Amino acid sequence: QVQLVESGGGLVQAGGSLRLSCAASGRFFSLNDMSWYRQAPGKQRDLVASITSTAPTHYANSVKGRFTISRDNHKNTVYLQMNSLKPEDTGVYYCMAQAQLYYGDVSRENWGQGTQVTVST
């Protein structure tokens, strides 16, 4: 199984920055796409950014130019650098990693518990 532990959330003023980290551990063959999702109060969970195992990235339009996703494959960790934060960035941020448990396995989604990000005006 794959365990994902997020860290780095907190309270920040608008215009500030935070860096989220998500470390994967457990027994698995490979980590493939890794992503960050955000869920605001009363809303659905939406994709914020994703990165493949070879590093091509994708961003939601609302965060382009402000957020940067990156990964360290040696540490099995994905990061989300968030700059110029806005109140509408507030929510619980979840890490998701697609992983194969063994060679030839299908790639399955694994989710972290989430970390709260609150941006004040």
C-alpha atoms as a PDB file:
ATOM      1  CA  GLN A   1       0.000   0.000   0.000  1.00  0.00           C
ATOM      2  CA  VAL A   2       0.960   3.624  -0.468  1.00  0.00           C
ATOM      3  CA  GLN A   3       0.800   6.171   2.324  1.00  0.00           C
ATOM      4  CA  LEU A   4       0.792   9.877   1.483  1.00  0.00           C
ATOM      5  CA  VAL A   5       1.518  12.501   4.118  1.00  0.00           C
ATOM      6  CA  GLU A   6       1.001  16.175   3.318  1.00  0.00           C
ATOM      7  CA  SER A   7       2.570  19.059   5.197  1.00  0.00           C
ATOM      8  CA  GLY A   8       3.094  22.785   4.846  1.00  0.00           C
ATOM      9  CA  GLY A   9      -0.421  24.137   5.121  1.00  0.00           C
ATOM     10  CA  GLY A  10      -1.371  27.014   7.367  1.00  0.00           C
ATOM     11  CA  LEU A  11      -2.723  30.526   7.623  1.00  0.00           C
ATOM     12  CA  VAL A  12      -1.248  33.230   5.408  1.00  0.00           C
ATOM     13  CA  GLN A  13      -2.222  36.727   4.366  1.00  0.00           C
ATOM     14  CA  ALA A  14      -3.250  37.471   0.812  1.00  0.00           C
ATOM     15  CA  GLY A  15      -0.189  37.943  -1.359  1.00  0.00           C
ATOM     16  CA  GLY A  16       1.869  35.557   0.744  1.00  0.00           C
ATOM     17  CA  SER A  17       3.399  32.200  -0.076  1.00  0.00           C
ATOM     18  CA  LEU A  18       3.268  28.635   1.169  1.00  0.00           C
ATOM     19  CA  ARG A  19       4.997  25.448   0.098  1.00  0.00           C
ATOM     20  CA  LEU A  20       3.172  22.151   0.414  1.00  0.00           C
ATOM     21  CA  SER A  21       4.929  18.804   0.503  1.00  0.00           C
ATOM     22  CA  CYS A  22       3.586  15.291   0.067  1.00  0.00           C
ATOM     23  CA  ALA A  23       5.787  12.306   0.831  1.00  0.00           C
ATOM     24  CA  ALA A  24       4.890   8.823  -0.350  1.00  0.00           C
ATOM     25  CA  SER A  25       5.924   5.743   1.589  1.00  0.00           C
ATOM     26  CA  GLY A  26       5.138   2.041   1.677  1.00  0.00           C
ATOM     27  CA  ARG A  27       5.696  -0.832  -0.706  1.00  0.00           C
ATOM     28  CA  PHE A  28       5.159   0.035  -4.365  1.00  0.00           C
ATOM     29  CA  PHE A  29       6.820  -0.568  -7.707  1.00  0.00           C
ATOM     30  CA  SER A  30       6.475   2.927  -9.172  1.00  0.00           C
ATOM     31  CA  LEU A  31       4.848   6.304  -8.684  1.00  0.00           C
ATOM     32  CA  ASN A  32       3.369   7.743 -11.834  1.00  0.00           C
ATOM     33  CA  ASP A  33       1.355  10.963 -12.051  1.00  0.00           C
ATOM     34  CA  MET A  34       1.205  12.992  -8.842  1.00  0.00           C
ATOM     35  CA  SER A  35      -1.280  15.780  -8.289  1.00  0.00           C
ATOM     36  CA  TRP A  36      -2.633  18.364  -5.897  1.00  0.00           C
ATOM     37  CA  TYR A  37      -6.365  18.893  -5.515  1.00  0.00           C
ATOM     38  CA  ARG A  38      -8.213  21.564  -3.574  1.00  0.00           C
ATOM     39  CA  GLN A  39     -11.581  21.420  -1.872  1.00  0.00           C
ATOM     40  CA  ALA A  40     -13.121  24.668  -0.705  1.00  0.00           C
ATOM     41  CA  PRO A  41     -15.917  24.622   1.885  1.00  0.00           C
ATOM     42  CA  GLY A  42     -19.143  23.400   0.316  1.00  0.00           C
ATOM     43  CA  LYS A  43     -17.528  22.761  -3.056  1.00  0.00           C
ATOM     44  CA  GLN A  44     -16.244  19.765  -4.968  1.00  0.00           C
ATOM     45  CA  ARG A  45     -12.617  18.686  -5.007  1.00  0.00           C
ATOM     46  CA  ASP A  46     -10.868  20.216  -8.023  1.00  0.00           C
ATOM     47  CA  LEU A  47      -7.515  19.586  -9.657  1.00  0.00           C
ATOM     48  CA  VAL A  48      -4.969  22.312  -8.968  1.00  0.00           C
ATOM     49  CA  ALA A  49      -1.821  20.915 -10.595  1.00  0.00           C
ATOM     50  CA  SER A  50      -0.361  17.622 -11.741  1.00  0.00           C
ATOM     51  CA  ILE A  51       3.047  16.318 -12.769  1.00  0.00           C
ATOM     52  CA  THR A  52       3.999  13.145 -14.579  1.00  0.00           C
ATOM     53  CA  SER A  53       6.895  10.880 -13.666  1.00  0.00           C
ATOM     54  CA  THR A  54       9.026  12.567 -16.348  1.00  0.00           C
ATOM     55  CA  ALA A  55       7.981  16.046 -15.175  1.00  0.00           C
ATOM     56  CA  PRO A  56       5.505  17.510 -17.703  1.00  0.00           C
ATOM     57  CA  THR A  57       3.032  19.575 -15.723  1.00  0.00           C
ATOM     58  CA  HIS A  58      -0.559  20.776 -15.918  1.00  0.00           C
ATOM     59  CA  TYR A  59      -2.210  23.621 -14.002  1.00  0.00           C
ATOM     60  CA  ALA A  60      -5.730  24.837 -13.416  1.00  0.00           C
ATOM     61  CA  ASN A  61      -6.251  28.204 -15.102  1.00  0.00           C
ATOM     62  CA  SER A  62      -6.894  29.852 -11.750  1.00  0.00           C
ATOM     63  CA  VAL A  63      -3.361  29.112 -10.480  1.00  0.00           C
ATOM     64  CA  LYS A  64      -1.249  29.438 -13.632  1.00  0.00           C
ATOM     65  CA  GLY A  65       1.665  31.789 -13.095  1.00  0.00           C
ATOM     66  CA  ARG A  66       1.291  31.642  -9.297  1.00  0.00           C
ATOM     67  CA  PHE A  67       1.711  27.970  -8.365  1.00  0.00           C
ATOM     68  CA  THR A  68       4.506  25.595  -9.300  1.00  0.00           C
ATOM     69  CA  ILE A  69       4.382  21.826  -8.920  1.00  0.00           C
ATOM     70  CA  SER A  70       7.580  19.803  -8.754  1.00  0.00           C
ATOM     71  CA  ARG A  71       8.726  16.388  -7.590  1.00  0.00           C
ATOM     72  CA  ASP A  72      11.795  14.651  -6.244  1.00  0.00           C
ATOM     73  CA  ASN A  73      11.672  11.060  -7.439  1.00  0.00           C
ATOM     74  CA  HIS A  74      14.508  10.014  -5.138  1.00  0.00           C
ATOM     75  CA  LYS A  75      12.481  11.168  -2.133  1.00  0.00           C
ATOM     76  CA  ASN A  76       9.100  10.081  -3.548  1.00  0.00           C
ATOM     77  CA  THR A  77       7.876  13.576  -2.777  1.00  0.00           C
ATOM     78  CA  VAL A  78       5.790  16.116  -4.658  1.00  0.00           C
ATOM     79  CA  TYR A  79       5.744  19.823  -3.838  1.00  0.00           C
ATOM     80  CA  LEU A  80       3.418  22.725  -4.532  1.00  0.00           C
ATOM     81  CA  GLN A  81       4.932  26.189  -4.293  1.00  0.00           C
ATOM     82  CA  MET A  82       2.099  28.683  -3.946  1.00  0.00           C
ATOM     83  CA  ASN A  83       2.844  32.375  -4.457  1.00  0.00           C
ATOM     84  CA  SER A  84       0.635  35.456  -4.607  1.00  0.00           C
ATOM     85  CA  LEU A  85      -2.024  33.629  -2.638  1.00  0.00           C
ATOM     86  CA  LYS A  86      -5.601  34.853  -2.804  1.00  0.00           C
ATOM     87  CA  PRO A  87      -8.520  34.285  -0.400  1.00  0.00           C
ATOM     88  CA  GLU A  88     -10.140  32.084  -3.051  1.00  0.00           C
ATOM     89  CA  ASP A  89      -7.180  29.687  -2.740  1.00  0.00           C
ATOM     90  CA  THR A  90      -8.489  28.731   0.700  1.00  0.00           C
ATOM     91  CA  GLY A  91      -9.366  25.084   1.126  1.00  0.00           C
ATOM     92  CA  VAL A  92      -8.103  21.655   2.029  1.00  0.00           C
ATOM     93  CA  TYR A  93      -5.311  20.576  -0.292  1.00  0.00           C
ATOM     94  CA  TYR A  94      -5.058  16.884  -1.050  1.00  0.00           C
ATOM     95  CA  CYS A  95      -2.168  15.017  -2.589  1.00  0.00           C
ATOM     96  CA  MET A  96      -2.924  12.204  -5.032  1.00  0.00           C
ATOM     97  CA  ALA A  97      -0.420   9.735  -6.417  1.00  0.00           C
ATOM     98  CA  GLN A  98      -1.008   7.075  -9.035  1.00  0.00           C
ATOM     99  CA  ALA A  99       1.064   4.045  -8.125  1.00  0.00           C
ATOM    100  CA  GLN A 100       1.749   0.518  -9.293  1.00  0.00           C
ATOM    101  CA  LEU A 101       2.236  -1.894  -6.419  1.00  0.00           C
ATOM    102  CA  TYR A 102       4.180  -4.372  -8.558  1.00  0.00           C
ATOM    103  CA  TYR A 103       5.471  -4.762 -12.107  1.00  0.00           C
ATOM    104  CA  GLY A 104       2.527  -5.129 -14.495  1.00  0.00           C
ATOM    105  CA  ASP A 105      -0.006  -3.829 -11.964  1.00  0.00           C
ATOM    106  CA  VAL A 106      -2.539  -1.226 -13.013  1.00  0.00           C
ATOM    107  CA  SER A 107      -1.904   2.312 -11.847  1.00  0.00           C
ATOM    108  CA  ARG A 108      -4.176   3.087  -8.861  1.00  0.00           C
ATOM    109  CA  GLU A 109      -5.041   6.352  -7.165  1.00  0.00           C
ATOM    110  CA  ASN A 110      -3.879   6.960  -3.600  1.00  0.00           C
ATOM    111  CA  TRP A 111      -4.920   9.973  -1.518  1.00  0.00           C
ATOM    112  CA  GLY A 112      -3.481  11.812   1.432  1.00  0.00           C
ATOM    113  CA  GLN A 113      -5.496  13.119   4.372  1.00  0.00           C
ATOM    114  CA  GLY A 114      -5.259  16.739   3.274  1.00  0.00           C
ATOM    115  CA  THR A 115      -3.746  19.897   4.688  1.00  0.00           C
ATOM    116  CA  GLN A 116      -5.656  23.115   5.350  1.00  0.00           C
ATOM    117  CA  VAL A 117      -4.650  26.318   3.610  1.00  0.00           C
ATOM    118  CA  THR A 118      -6.351  29.529   4.718  1.00  0.00           C
ATOM    119  CA  VAL A 119      -5.669  32.832   3.003  1.00  0.00           C
ATOM    120  CA  SER A 120      -6.897  35.887   4.863  1.00  0.00           C
ATOM    121  CA  THR A 121      -7.674  39.296   3.384  1.00  0.00           C
END
